[in-house]
Amino acid sequence: MSTAAATTRPGQVLADLIPASRLRDATLVIGGAALTGLAAQISVPVPGSPVPVTGQTFAALLVGTALGARRGFLSLALYALVGMAGVPWFAEAKSGYGMPSFGYVLGMMLAAAAVGSLARRGADRNVLRTAGTMVLGSAIIYGVGVPYLAASTGMSLTEAVAAGLTPFLIGDALKAALAMGALPLSWKLLGDRG
C-alpha cells in the first residue's frame, strides 16, 4: 500500500491529497481558472452556431471534480470574472460578457460546484459514477447556456437547442469518456479502490 493510499479517506477529492494550507487552496483555485482558460483556446467553430467546440467544458468539469465544490466554484468564478474584466481567455480568445456563449461560462460555475460535491461523495472513483457525474455537469452547463444563447441572440429555444446543444453531444460523450478513464484511474494509482 502506498503512502497516498494510507491517507485517502471518504469525503476527499483529489486536491485534498495535497497537504492543506491556504496557499494550496489559492494555488488550486488560480490553477483551475488558468487550466480552463487554456483549454478554452482549443476551439473549433461549428457551422451555423455562434458557440464553438472547446476544451473549456471538459476542463471545468475536471476542475470541479478534482478540487471539490467550493474550490471548483471559486476557480470557475475567477475564470469568469477575469474574462469579464478583459483577459481574452474565453473561447476564441474572447473576453467580456456580451457574447452569446457567456451563459455556458455561468453554467460551468454551477456545474463545477455540483460535480465537486458529487466527487466528495465518491462519484469520481469508478467509471459508472464518473459517467453520471459528467452527464449531470454537462446538463447543468447546457441548462444555463442554451437559454442564455436564446435570450442573447433572439433565437427561439428550439433554435438555441439546435445551435447550442445538439452539435456538441458527440464531443461531450468523448469528453465524458476521457473523464471516465482519467478520474477513476487517478484514484486507483493512489491506491483507493472507491
N, C-alpha and C. Protein backbone atom coordinates (compact mmCIF):
# COMPACT_ATOMS: atom_id res chain seq x y z
N MET A 1 0.85 -1.18 0.00
CA MET A 1 0.00 0.00 0.00
C MET A 1 0.89 1.23 0.00
N SER A 2 0.57 2.19 -0.85
CA SER A 2 1.37 3.40 -0.94
C SER A 2 1.03 4.37 0.19
N THR A 3 1.89 5.37 0.36
CA THR A 3 1.63 6.40 1.38
C THR A 3 0.34 7.14 1.07
N ALA A 4 0.11 7.43 -0.23
CA ALA A 4 -1.12 8.13 -0.62
C ALA A 4 -2.34 7.29 -0.28
N ALA A 5 -2.24 5.98 -0.49
CA ALA A 5 -3.38 5.11 -0.20
C ALA A 5 -3.73 5.13 1.28
N ALA A 6 -2.71 5.22 2.10
CA ALA A 6 -2.97 5.23 3.54
C ALA A 6 -3.63 6.51 4.00
N THR A 7 -3.49 7.59 3.23
CA THR A 7 -4.04 8.87 3.65
C THR A 7 -5.37 9.21 2.98
N THR A 8 -5.84 8.42 2.00
CA THR A 8 -7.13 8.71 1.38
C THR A 8 -8.24 8.24 2.30
N ARG A 9 -9.31 9.01 2.33
CA ARG A 9 -10.46 8.64 3.15
C ARG A 9 -11.73 9.14 2.47
N PRO A 10 -12.84 8.57 2.87
CA PRO A 10 -14.11 9.03 2.28
C PRO A 10 -14.27 10.53 2.51
N GLY A 11 -14.93 11.18 1.58
CA GLY A 11 -15.16 12.61 1.71
C GLY A 11 -14.06 13.47 1.12
N GLN A 12 -13.04 12.83 0.56
CA GLN A 12 -11.95 13.59 -0.05
C GLN A 12 -12.15 13.70 -1.56
N VAL A 13 -11.57 14.75 -2.11
CA VAL A 13 -11.41 14.87 -3.55
C VAL A 13 -9.92 14.81 -3.81
N LEU A 14 -9.53 14.70 -5.07
CA LEU A 14 -8.11 14.53 -5.39
C LEU A 14 -7.25 15.64 -4.79
N ALA A 15 -7.73 16.88 -4.81
CA ALA A 15 -6.94 18.01 -4.29
C ALA A 15 -6.66 17.88 -2.81
N ASP A 16 -7.51 17.16 -2.08
CA ASP A 16 -7.31 17.00 -0.64
C ASP A 16 -6.10 16.13 -0.31
N LEU A 17 -5.55 15.45 -1.29
CA LEU A 17 -4.38 14.62 -1.05
C LEU A 17 -3.10 15.45 -0.95
N ILE A 18 -3.19 16.73 -1.32
CA ILE A 18 -2.07 17.67 -1.16
C ILE A 18 -2.20 18.26 0.25
N PRO A 19 -1.11 18.34 0.99
CA PRO A 19 -1.21 18.89 2.36
C PRO A 19 -1.94 20.23 2.39
N ALA A 20 -2.87 20.35 3.33
CA ALA A 20 -3.76 21.51 3.42
C ALA A 20 -3.04 22.78 3.84
N SER A 21 -3.39 23.87 3.15
CA SER A 21 -2.94 25.21 3.53
C SER A 21 -3.73 26.21 2.69
N ARG A 22 -3.73 27.44 3.13
CA ARG A 22 -4.40 28.48 2.33
C ARG A 22 -3.67 28.68 1.01
N LEU A 23 -2.34 28.54 1.03
CA LEU A 23 -1.57 28.67 -0.21
C LEU A 23 -1.98 27.58 -1.19
N ARG A 24 -2.14 26.35 -0.69
CA ARG A 24 -2.59 25.25 -1.56
C ARG A 24 -3.92 25.61 -2.20
N ASP A 25 -4.88 26.03 -1.39
CA ASP A 25 -6.21 26.34 -1.92
C ASP A 25 -6.17 27.46 -2.94
N ALA A 26 -5.42 28.53 -2.64
CA ALA A 26 -5.31 29.65 -3.58
C ALA A 26 -4.65 29.20 -4.88
N THR A 27 -3.61 28.40 -4.77
CA THR A 27 -2.91 27.91 -5.96
C THR A 27 -3.82 27.03 -6.80
N LEU A 28 -4.59 26.17 -6.14
CA LEU A 28 -5.51 25.30 -6.87
C LEU A 28 -6.61 26.09 -7.57
N VAL A 29 -7.15 27.08 -6.90
CA VAL A 29 -8.21 27.90 -7.50
C VAL A 29 -7.66 28.66 -8.72
N ILE A 30 -6.51 29.28 -8.56
CA ILE A 30 -5.90 30.02 -9.68
C ILE A 30 -5.51 29.06 -10.80
N GLY A 31 -4.93 27.93 -10.43
CA GLY A 31 -4.54 26.94 -11.44
C GLY A 31 -5.73 26.39 -12.20
N GLY A 32 -6.84 26.15 -11.51
CA GLY A 32 -8.05 25.66 -12.18
C GLY A 32 -8.60 26.68 -13.16
N ALA A 33 -8.56 27.95 -12.78
CA ALA A 33 -9.01 29.02 -13.69
C ALA A 33 -8.10 29.09 -14.91
N ALA A 34 -6.80 29.01 -14.68
CA ALA A 34 -5.84 29.06 -15.79
C ALA A 34 -5.99 27.86 -16.72
N LEU A 35 -6.18 26.67 -16.15
CA LEU A 35 -6.38 25.48 -16.96
C LEU A 35 -7.62 25.63 -17.83
N THR A 36 -8.69 26.15 -17.27
CA THR A 36 -9.91 26.35 -18.03
C THR A 36 -9.68 27.37 -19.15
N GLY A 37 -8.96 28.44 -18.84
CA GLY A 37 -8.65 29.44 -19.86
C GLY A 37 -7.80 28.88 -20.99
N LEU A 38 -6.83 28.05 -20.64
CA LEU A 38 -6.01 27.42 -21.67
C LEU A 38 -6.83 26.44 -22.51
N ALA A 39 -7.66 25.64 -21.84
CA ALA A 39 -8.48 24.67 -22.56
C ALA A 39 -9.49 25.36 -23.48
N ALA A 40 -9.92 26.56 -23.13
CA ALA A 40 -10.86 27.30 -23.97
C ALA A 40 -10.24 27.67 -25.31
N GLN A 41 -8.90 27.72 -25.36
CA GLN A 41 -8.24 28.08 -26.61
C GLN A 41 -8.22 26.92 -27.61
N ILE A 42 -8.55 25.73 -27.13
CA ILE A 42 -8.78 24.60 -28.04
C ILE A 42 -10.21 24.81 -28.53
N SER A 43 -10.34 25.42 -29.67
CA SER A 43 -11.64 25.90 -30.12
C SER A 43 -11.83 25.61 -31.61
N VAL A 44 -12.96 24.98 -31.93
CA VAL A 44 -13.28 24.67 -33.32
C VAL A 44 -14.66 25.26 -33.61
N PRO A 45 -14.75 26.16 -34.60
CA PRO A 45 -16.05 26.73 -34.94
C PRO A 45 -17.03 25.66 -35.41
N VAL A 46 -18.30 25.86 -35.09
CA VAL A 46 -19.36 24.95 -35.52
C VAL A 46 -20.20 25.71 -36.55
N PRO A 47 -20.27 25.23 -37.78
CA PRO A 47 -21.08 25.91 -38.79
C PRO A 47 -22.53 26.09 -38.33
N GLY A 48 -23.03 27.32 -38.45
CA GLY A 48 -24.40 27.62 -38.09
C GLY A 48 -24.62 27.88 -36.61
N SER A 49 -23.53 27.91 -35.82
CA SER A 49 -23.67 28.15 -34.39
C SER A 49 -22.69 29.22 -33.94
N PRO A 50 -23.13 30.12 -33.07
CA PRO A 50 -22.19 31.11 -32.53
C PRO A 50 -21.35 30.53 -31.39
N VAL A 51 -21.53 29.24 -31.09
CA VAL A 51 -20.82 28.59 -29.99
C VAL A 51 -19.84 27.58 -30.58
N PRO A 52 -18.54 27.71 -30.31
CA PRO A 52 -17.57 26.74 -30.82
C PRO A 52 -17.45 25.52 -29.90
N VAL A 53 -16.90 24.45 -30.43
CA VAL A 53 -16.50 23.30 -29.62
C VAL A 53 -15.18 23.70 -28.96
N THR A 54 -15.11 23.54 -27.65
CA THR A 54 -13.88 23.92 -26.94
C THR A 54 -13.51 22.86 -25.92
N GLY A 55 -12.35 23.04 -25.33
CA GLY A 55 -11.92 22.19 -24.23
C GLY A 55 -12.32 22.74 -22.88
N GLN A 56 -12.94 23.92 -22.83
CA GLN A 56 -13.21 24.55 -21.53
C GLN A 56 -14.25 23.81 -20.71
N THR A 57 -15.25 23.21 -21.33
CA THR A 57 -16.24 22.47 -20.55
C THR A 57 -15.60 21.26 -19.89
N PHE A 58 -14.75 20.57 -20.62
CA PHE A 58 -14.04 19.41 -20.07
C PHE A 58 -13.16 19.86 -18.89
N ALA A 59 -12.44 20.95 -19.09
CA ALA A 59 -11.58 21.46 -18.01
C ALA A 59 -12.41 21.87 -16.80
N ALA A 60 -13.53 22.53 -17.03
CA ALA A 60 -14.37 22.99 -15.92
C ALA A 60 -14.89 21.81 -15.10
N LEU A 61 -15.30 20.74 -15.77
CA LEU A 61 -15.80 19.57 -15.05
C LEU A 61 -14.67 18.86 -14.31
N LEU A 62 -13.49 18.79 -14.92
CA LEU A 62 -12.35 18.18 -14.22
C LEU A 62 -11.93 19.02 -13.03
N VAL A 63 -11.92 20.33 -13.19
CA VAL A 63 -11.55 21.23 -12.10
C VAL A 63 -12.53 21.05 -10.93
N GLY A 64 -13.81 21.05 -11.22
CA GLY A 64 -14.80 20.87 -10.16
C GLY A 64 -14.65 19.53 -9.46
N THR A 65 -14.44 18.49 -10.23
CA THR A 65 -14.32 17.16 -9.66
C THR A 65 -13.05 17.02 -8.82
N ALA A 66 -11.95 17.51 -9.34
CA ALA A 66 -10.68 17.36 -8.63
C ALA A 66 -10.55 18.28 -7.42
N LEU A 67 -11.14 19.47 -7.50
CA LEU A 67 -10.98 20.45 -6.41
C LEU A 67 -12.10 20.41 -5.38
N GLY A 68 -13.24 19.86 -5.73
CA GLY A 68 -14.38 19.88 -4.82
C GLY A 68 -15.26 21.08 -5.11
N ALA A 69 -16.44 21.10 -4.49
CA ALA A 69 -17.46 22.10 -4.79
C ALA A 69 -16.99 23.53 -4.55
N ARG A 70 -16.47 23.81 -3.38
CA ARG A 70 -16.12 25.20 -3.04
C ARG A 70 -14.97 25.71 -3.90
N ARG A 71 -13.87 24.98 -3.93
CA ARG A 71 -12.72 25.43 -4.72
C ARG A 71 -13.03 25.40 -6.21
N GLY A 72 -13.81 24.40 -6.65
CA GLY A 72 -14.18 24.33 -8.06
C GLY A 72 -15.02 25.53 -8.47
N PHE A 73 -16.01 25.86 -7.64
CA PHE A 73 -16.84 27.04 -7.94
C PHE A 73 -15.99 28.30 -7.95
N LEU A 74 -15.14 28.47 -6.94
CA LEU A 74 -14.29 29.66 -6.88
C LEU A 74 -13.36 29.76 -8.09
N SER A 75 -12.84 28.63 -8.52
CA SER A 75 -11.96 28.61 -9.67
C SER A 75 -12.68 29.07 -10.93
N LEU A 76 -13.89 28.55 -11.15
CA LEU A 76 -14.64 28.95 -12.34
C LEU A 76 -15.19 30.36 -12.22
N ALA A 77 -15.48 30.80 -11.00
CA ALA A 77 -15.89 32.20 -10.80
C ALA A 77 -14.73 33.13 -11.11
N LEU A 78 -13.53 32.75 -10.69
CA LEU A 78 -12.34 33.54 -11.02
C LEU A 78 -12.15 33.59 -12.53
N TYR A 79 -12.28 32.45 -13.18
CA TYR A 79 -12.18 32.38 -14.64
C TYR A 79 -13.17 33.36 -15.29
N ALA A 80 -14.42 33.33 -14.82
CA ALA A 80 -15.45 34.21 -15.39
C ALA A 80 -15.14 35.68 -15.12
N LEU A 81 -14.78 36.02 -13.89
CA LEU A 81 -14.51 37.42 -13.52
C LEU A 81 -13.32 37.99 -14.28
N VAL A 82 -12.27 37.22 -14.38
CA VAL A 82 -11.07 37.71 -15.09
C VAL A 82 -11.38 37.86 -16.58
N GLY A 83 -12.14 36.93 -17.14
CA GLY A 83 -12.55 37.06 -18.55
C GLY A 83 -13.46 38.25 -18.78
N MET A 84 -14.37 38.50 -17.83
CA MET A 84 -15.25 39.67 -17.94
C MET A 84 -14.46 40.96 -17.83
N ALA A 85 -13.36 40.91 -17.07
CA ALA A 85 -12.53 42.11 -16.89
C ALA A 85 -11.65 42.40 -18.10
N GLY A 86 -11.62 41.49 -19.07
CA GLY A 86 -10.89 41.79 -20.30
C GLY A 86 -9.79 40.82 -20.69
N VAL A 87 -9.45 39.86 -19.86
CA VAL A 87 -8.44 38.88 -20.26
C VAL A 87 -9.05 37.99 -21.34
N PRO A 88 -8.42 37.89 -22.50
CA PRO A 88 -9.02 37.15 -23.62
C PRO A 88 -8.80 35.64 -23.52
N TRP A 89 -9.37 35.03 -22.49
CA TRP A 89 -9.16 33.59 -22.32
C TRP A 89 -10.44 32.78 -22.39
N PHE A 90 -11.54 33.41 -22.85
CA PHE A 90 -12.72 32.65 -23.19
C PHE A 90 -12.48 32.03 -24.56
N ALA A 91 -13.39 31.21 -25.03
CA ALA A 91 -13.25 30.56 -26.34
C ALA A 91 -12.95 31.58 -27.42
N GLU A 92 -12.10 31.20 -28.34
CA GLU A 92 -11.69 32.03 -29.47
C GLU A 92 -11.03 33.32 -29.01
N ALA A 93 -10.33 33.27 -27.87
CA ALA A 93 -9.59 34.41 -27.30
C ALA A 93 -10.48 35.62 -27.09
N LYS A 94 -11.71 35.39 -26.67
CA LYS A 94 -12.65 36.48 -26.40
C LYS A 94 -12.69 36.79 -24.91
N SER A 95 -13.24 37.93 -24.60
CA SER A 95 -13.45 38.33 -23.21
C SER A 95 -14.76 39.10 -23.14
N GLY A 96 -15.17 39.44 -21.92
CA GLY A 96 -16.41 40.18 -21.73
C GLY A 96 -17.58 39.25 -21.46
N TYR A 97 -18.75 39.84 -21.35
CA TYR A 97 -19.94 39.05 -21.05
C TYR A 97 -21.03 39.23 -22.10
N GLY A 98 -20.77 39.96 -23.15
CA GLY A 98 -21.78 40.22 -24.17
C GLY A 98 -21.88 39.16 -25.23
N MET A 99 -21.02 38.18 -25.21
CA MET A 99 -21.05 37.16 -26.26
C MET A 99 -22.15 36.13 -26.00
N PRO A 100 -22.71 35.56 -27.05
CA PRO A 100 -23.82 34.61 -26.89
C PRO A 100 -23.46 33.37 -26.08
N SER A 101 -22.18 33.02 -26.02
CA SER A 101 -21.78 31.80 -25.31
C SER A 101 -21.47 32.05 -23.84
N PHE A 102 -21.65 33.26 -23.34
CA PHE A 102 -21.30 33.55 -21.94
C PHE A 102 -22.16 32.74 -20.96
N GLY A 103 -23.35 32.37 -21.33
CA GLY A 103 -24.19 31.56 -20.46
C GLY A 103 -23.57 30.22 -20.12
N TYR A 104 -22.78 29.69 -21.06
CA TYR A 104 -22.09 28.42 -20.78
C TYR A 104 -21.03 28.62 -19.69
N VAL A 105 -20.38 29.77 -19.69
CA VAL A 105 -19.39 30.08 -18.65
C VAL A 105 -20.10 30.13 -17.29
N LEU A 106 -21.25 30.77 -17.23
CA LEU A 106 -22.02 30.81 -15.99
C LEU A 106 -22.43 29.41 -15.56
N GLY A 107 -22.87 28.61 -16.51
CA GLY A 107 -23.24 27.23 -16.22
C GLY A 107 -22.08 26.41 -15.70
N MET A 108 -20.88 26.70 -16.19
CA MET A 108 -19.69 25.96 -15.73
C MET A 108 -19.42 26.19 -14.25
N MET A 109 -19.71 27.39 -13.75
CA MET A 109 -19.52 27.65 -12.32
C MET A 109 -20.43 26.73 -11.50
N LEU A 110 -21.70 26.67 -11.89
CA LEU A 110 -22.65 25.82 -11.17
C LEU A 110 -22.30 24.34 -11.33
N ALA A 111 -21.91 23.96 -12.54
CA ALA A 111 -21.55 22.56 -12.79
C ALA A 111 -20.32 22.16 -11.98
N ALA A 112 -19.34 23.04 -11.87
CA ALA A 112 -18.14 22.72 -11.08
C ALA A 112 -18.51 22.46 -9.63
N ALA A 113 -19.42 23.26 -9.10
CA ALA A 113 -19.86 23.05 -7.72
C ALA A 113 -20.61 21.72 -7.58
N ALA A 114 -21.46 21.42 -8.54
CA ALA A 114 -22.26 20.18 -8.46
C ALA A 114 -21.37 18.94 -8.57
N VAL A 115 -20.48 18.92 -9.58
CA VAL A 115 -19.64 17.72 -9.74
C VAL A 115 -18.63 17.62 -8.60
N GLY A 116 -18.20 18.76 -8.06
CA GLY A 116 -17.31 18.74 -6.90
C GLY A 116 -17.98 18.15 -5.68
N SER A 117 -19.23 18.49 -5.50
CA SER A 117 -20.00 17.93 -4.38
C SER A 117 -20.17 16.42 -4.54
N LEU A 118 -20.46 15.99 -5.75
CA LEU A 118 -20.59 14.56 -6.01
C LEU A 118 -19.26 13.83 -5.85
N ALA A 119 -18.18 14.46 -6.28
CA ALA A 119 -16.86 13.84 -6.13
C ALA A 119 -16.53 13.64 -4.66
N ARG A 120 -16.91 14.57 -3.83
CA ARG A 120 -16.66 14.44 -2.39
C ARG A 120 -17.41 13.22 -1.83
N ARG A 121 -18.44 12.78 -2.53
CA ARG A 121 -19.19 11.59 -2.12
C ARG A 121 -18.72 10.34 -2.86
N GLY A 122 -17.59 10.44 -3.57
CA GLY A 122 -17.00 9.28 -4.25
C GLY A 122 -17.45 9.07 -5.68
N ALA A 123 -18.11 10.06 -6.28
CA ALA A 123 -18.64 9.88 -7.64
C ALA A 123 -17.57 9.89 -8.73
N ASP A 124 -16.32 10.12 -8.37
CA ASP A 124 -15.25 10.12 -9.36
C ASP A 124 -14.34 8.90 -9.22
N ARG A 125 -14.77 7.91 -8.45
CA ARG A 125 -13.87 6.80 -8.14
C ARG A 125 -14.15 5.53 -8.93
N ASN A 126 -15.22 5.50 -9.70
CA ASN A 126 -15.39 4.38 -10.63
C ASN A 126 -16.03 4.91 -11.91
N VAL A 127 -15.97 4.09 -12.94
CA VAL A 127 -16.36 4.52 -14.28
C VAL A 127 -17.84 4.92 -14.35
N LEU A 128 -18.74 4.10 -13.83
CA LEU A 128 -20.17 4.41 -13.96
C LEU A 128 -20.56 5.66 -13.20
N ARG A 129 -20.08 5.82 -11.99
CA ARG A 129 -20.42 7.03 -11.23
C ARG A 129 -19.80 8.27 -11.87
N THR A 130 -18.59 8.12 -12.41
CA THR A 130 -17.97 9.26 -13.10
C THR A 130 -18.79 9.64 -14.33
N ALA A 131 -19.29 8.65 -15.06
CA ALA A 131 -20.13 8.94 -16.23
C ALA A 131 -21.36 9.75 -15.83
N GLY A 132 -22.03 9.31 -14.77
CA GLY A 132 -23.21 10.04 -14.30
C GLY A 132 -22.87 11.45 -13.87
N THR A 133 -21.74 11.61 -13.22
CA THR A 133 -21.30 12.93 -12.76
C THR A 133 -21.05 13.85 -13.95
N MET A 134 -20.38 13.35 -14.98
CA MET A 134 -20.10 14.17 -16.15
C MET A 134 -21.37 14.52 -16.91
N VAL A 135 -22.31 13.58 -16.99
CA VAL A 135 -23.59 13.87 -17.66
C VAL A 135 -24.34 14.96 -16.91
N LEU A 136 -24.39 14.86 -15.59
CA LEU A 136 -25.07 15.89 -14.79
C LEU A 136 -24.40 17.24 -14.96
N GLY A 137 -23.07 17.27 -14.90
CA GLY A 137 -22.35 18.53 -15.08
C GLY A 137 -22.62 19.16 -16.44
N SER A 138 -22.61 18.34 -17.48
CA SER A 138 -22.91 18.85 -18.82
C SER A 138 -24.33 19.37 -18.91
N ALA A 139 -25.27 18.66 -18.29
CA ALA A 139 -26.67 19.10 -18.31
C ALA A 139 -26.83 20.46 -17.64
N ILE A 140 -26.10 20.68 -16.56
CA ILE A 140 -26.16 21.98 -15.88
C ILE A 140 -25.61 23.08 -16.78
N ILE A 141 -24.49 22.80 -17.44
CA ILE A 141 -23.91 23.79 -18.35
C ILE A 141 -24.90 24.15 -19.45
N TYR A 142 -25.51 23.15 -20.06
CA TYR A 142 -26.50 23.40 -21.11
C TYR A 142 -27.76 24.06 -20.56
N GLY A 143 -28.13 23.69 -19.35
CA GLY A 143 -29.33 24.25 -18.73
C GLY A 143 -29.25 25.76 -18.53
N VAL A 144 -28.04 26.28 -18.39
CA VAL A 144 -27.84 27.72 -18.29
C VAL A 144 -27.46 28.30 -19.66
N GLY A 145 -26.57 27.61 -20.37
CA GLY A 145 -26.03 28.13 -21.62
C GLY A 145 -27.03 28.26 -22.74
N VAL A 146 -27.89 27.27 -22.91
CA VAL A 146 -28.84 27.29 -24.04
C VAL A 146 -29.88 28.40 -23.88
N PRO A 147 -30.52 28.55 -22.72
CA PRO A 147 -31.46 29.68 -22.59
C PRO A 147 -30.77 31.04 -22.74
N TYR A 148 -29.53 31.16 -22.22
CA TYR A 148 -28.78 32.41 -22.38
C TYR A 148 -28.53 32.67 -23.86
N LEU A 149 -28.15 31.62 -24.60
CA LEU A 149 -27.93 31.75 -26.04
C LEU A 149 -29.19 32.24 -26.73
N ALA A 150 -30.32 31.66 -26.37
CA ALA A 150 -31.60 32.07 -26.98
C ALA A 150 -31.89 33.53 -26.66
N ALA A 151 -31.73 33.92 -25.40
CA ALA A 151 -32.03 35.29 -24.99
C ALA A 151 -31.09 36.30 -25.63
N SER A 152 -29.81 35.95 -25.75
CA SER A 152 -28.84 36.92 -26.26
C SER A 152 -28.84 37.05 -27.77
N THR A 153 -29.38 36.06 -28.46
CA THR A 153 -29.38 36.11 -29.93
C THR A 153 -30.76 36.32 -30.53
N GLY A 154 -31.81 36.19 -29.72
CA GLY A 154 -33.17 36.28 -30.24
C GLY A 154 -33.65 34.98 -30.86
N MET A 155 -32.88 33.90 -30.71
CA MET A 155 -33.31 32.60 -31.21
C MET A 155 -34.48 32.09 -30.36
N SER A 156 -35.28 31.24 -30.97
CA SER A 156 -36.27 30.52 -30.16
C SER A 156 -35.51 29.47 -29.36
N LEU A 157 -36.14 28.91 -28.35
CA LEU A 157 -35.48 27.87 -27.56
C LEU A 157 -35.15 26.66 -28.43
N THR A 158 -36.02 26.33 -29.37
CA THR A 158 -35.77 25.21 -30.29
C THR A 158 -34.54 25.49 -31.15
N GLU A 159 -34.44 26.72 -31.66
CA GLU A 159 -33.26 27.08 -32.46
C GLU A 159 -31.99 27.07 -31.62
N ALA A 160 -32.10 27.52 -30.37
CA ALA A 160 -30.93 27.53 -29.49
C ALA A 160 -30.47 26.12 -29.16
N VAL A 161 -31.42 25.21 -28.98
CA VAL A 161 -31.05 23.80 -28.74
C VAL A 161 -30.34 23.25 -29.97
N ALA A 162 -30.86 23.56 -31.17
CA ALA A 162 -30.25 23.07 -32.41
C ALA A 162 -28.86 23.65 -32.62
N ALA A 163 -28.64 24.91 -32.22
CA ALA A 163 -27.35 25.56 -32.43
C ALA A 163 -26.39 25.41 -31.26
N GLY A 164 -26.93 25.27 -30.05
CA GLY A 164 -26.08 25.32 -28.87
C GLY A 164 -26.04 24.07 -28.02
N LEU A 165 -26.71 23.00 -28.46
CA LEU A 165 -26.66 21.74 -27.70
C LEU A 165 -26.41 20.56 -28.63
N THR A 166 -27.28 20.37 -29.60
CA THR A 166 -27.23 19.19 -30.45
C THR A 166 -25.86 18.96 -31.11
N PRO A 167 -25.21 19.99 -31.67
CA PRO A 167 -23.92 19.73 -32.33
C PRO A 167 -22.80 19.30 -31.37
N PHE A 168 -23.03 19.43 -30.08
CA PHE A 168 -21.97 19.20 -29.10
C PHE A 168 -22.08 17.87 -28.37
N LEU A 169 -23.15 17.14 -28.62
CA LEU A 169 -23.38 15.92 -27.85
C LEU A 169 -22.32 14.84 -28.08
N ILE A 170 -21.88 14.66 -29.30
CA ILE A 170 -20.85 13.65 -29.57
C ILE A 170 -19.53 14.04 -28.89
N GLY A 171 -19.15 15.31 -28.99
CA GLY A 171 -17.93 15.78 -28.33
C GLY A 171 -18.02 15.63 -26.82
N ASP A 172 -19.19 15.91 -26.27
CA ASP A 172 -19.36 15.77 -24.82
C ASP A 172 -19.27 14.31 -24.40
N ALA A 173 -19.76 13.42 -25.24
CA ALA A 173 -19.64 11.99 -24.93
C ALA A 173 -18.17 11.58 -24.91
N LEU A 174 -17.38 12.11 -25.84
CA LEU A 174 -15.95 11.80 -25.86
C LEU A 174 -15.24 12.38 -24.64
N LYS A 175 -15.61 13.61 -24.26
CA LYS A 175 -15.01 14.22 -23.06
C LYS A 175 -15.38 13.42 -21.82
N ALA A 176 -16.62 12.97 -21.75
CA ALA A 176 -17.05 12.16 -20.60
C ALA A 176 -16.27 10.85 -20.56
N ALA A 177 -16.04 10.26 -21.72
CA ALA A 177 -15.27 9.01 -21.77
C ALA A 177 -13.85 9.22 -21.27
N LEU A 178 -13.25 10.35 -21.63
CA LEU A 178 -11.91 10.66 -21.12
C LEU A 178 -11.92 10.79 -19.60
N ALA A 179 -12.90 11.50 -19.09
CA ALA A 179 -13.00 11.66 -17.64
C ALA A 179 -13.27 10.33 -16.95
N MET A 180 -14.09 9.49 -17.59
CA MET A 180 -14.43 8.19 -17.02
C MET A 180 -13.19 7.32 -16.86
N GLY A 181 -12.21 7.54 -17.72
CA GLY A 181 -10.96 6.80 -17.58
C GLY A 181 -9.99 7.49 -16.65
N ALA A 182 -9.86 8.80 -16.79
CA ALA A 182 -8.81 9.53 -16.06
C ALA A 182 -9.06 9.63 -14.56
N LEU A 183 -10.27 9.94 -14.16
CA LEU A 183 -10.52 10.16 -12.73
C LEU A 183 -10.44 8.87 -11.91
N PRO A 184 -11.15 7.81 -12.29
CA PRO A 184 -11.00 6.58 -11.51
C PRO A 184 -9.57 6.03 -11.55
N LEU A 185 -8.90 6.19 -12.68
CA LEU A 185 -7.51 5.73 -12.78
C LEU A 185 -6.62 6.50 -11.81
N SER A 186 -6.86 7.79 -11.69
CA SER A 186 -6.08 8.60 -10.73
C SER A 186 -6.23 8.06 -9.32
N TRP A 187 -7.46 7.74 -8.93
CA TRP A 187 -7.69 7.19 -7.58
C TRP A 187 -7.05 5.82 -7.44
N LYS A 188 -7.12 5.00 -8.48
CA LYS A 188 -6.51 3.67 -8.40
C LYS A 188 -5.00 3.76 -8.27
N LEU A 189 -4.40 4.70 -9.01
CA LEU A 189 -2.95 4.89 -8.90
C LEU A 189 -2.55 5.35 -7.50
N LEU A 190 -3.47 6.04 -6.84
CA LEU A 190 -3.21 6.50 -5.48
C LEU A 190 -3.57 5.44 -4.43
N GLY A 191 -4.08 4.29 -4.92
CA GLY A 191 -4.34 3.18 -4.01
C GLY A 191 -5.75 3.10 -3.49
N ASP A 192 -6.64 4.00 -3.89
CA ASP A 192 -8.01 3.99 -3.39
C ASP A 192 -8.87 3.19 -4.36
N ARG A 193 -9.56 2.20 -3.86
CA ARG A 193 -10.41 1.35 -4.71
C ARG A 193 -11.87 1.78 -4.67
N GLY A 194 -12.18 2.94 -4.01
CA GLY A 194 -13.53 3.52 -4.01
C GLY A 194 -14.50 2.66 -3.30
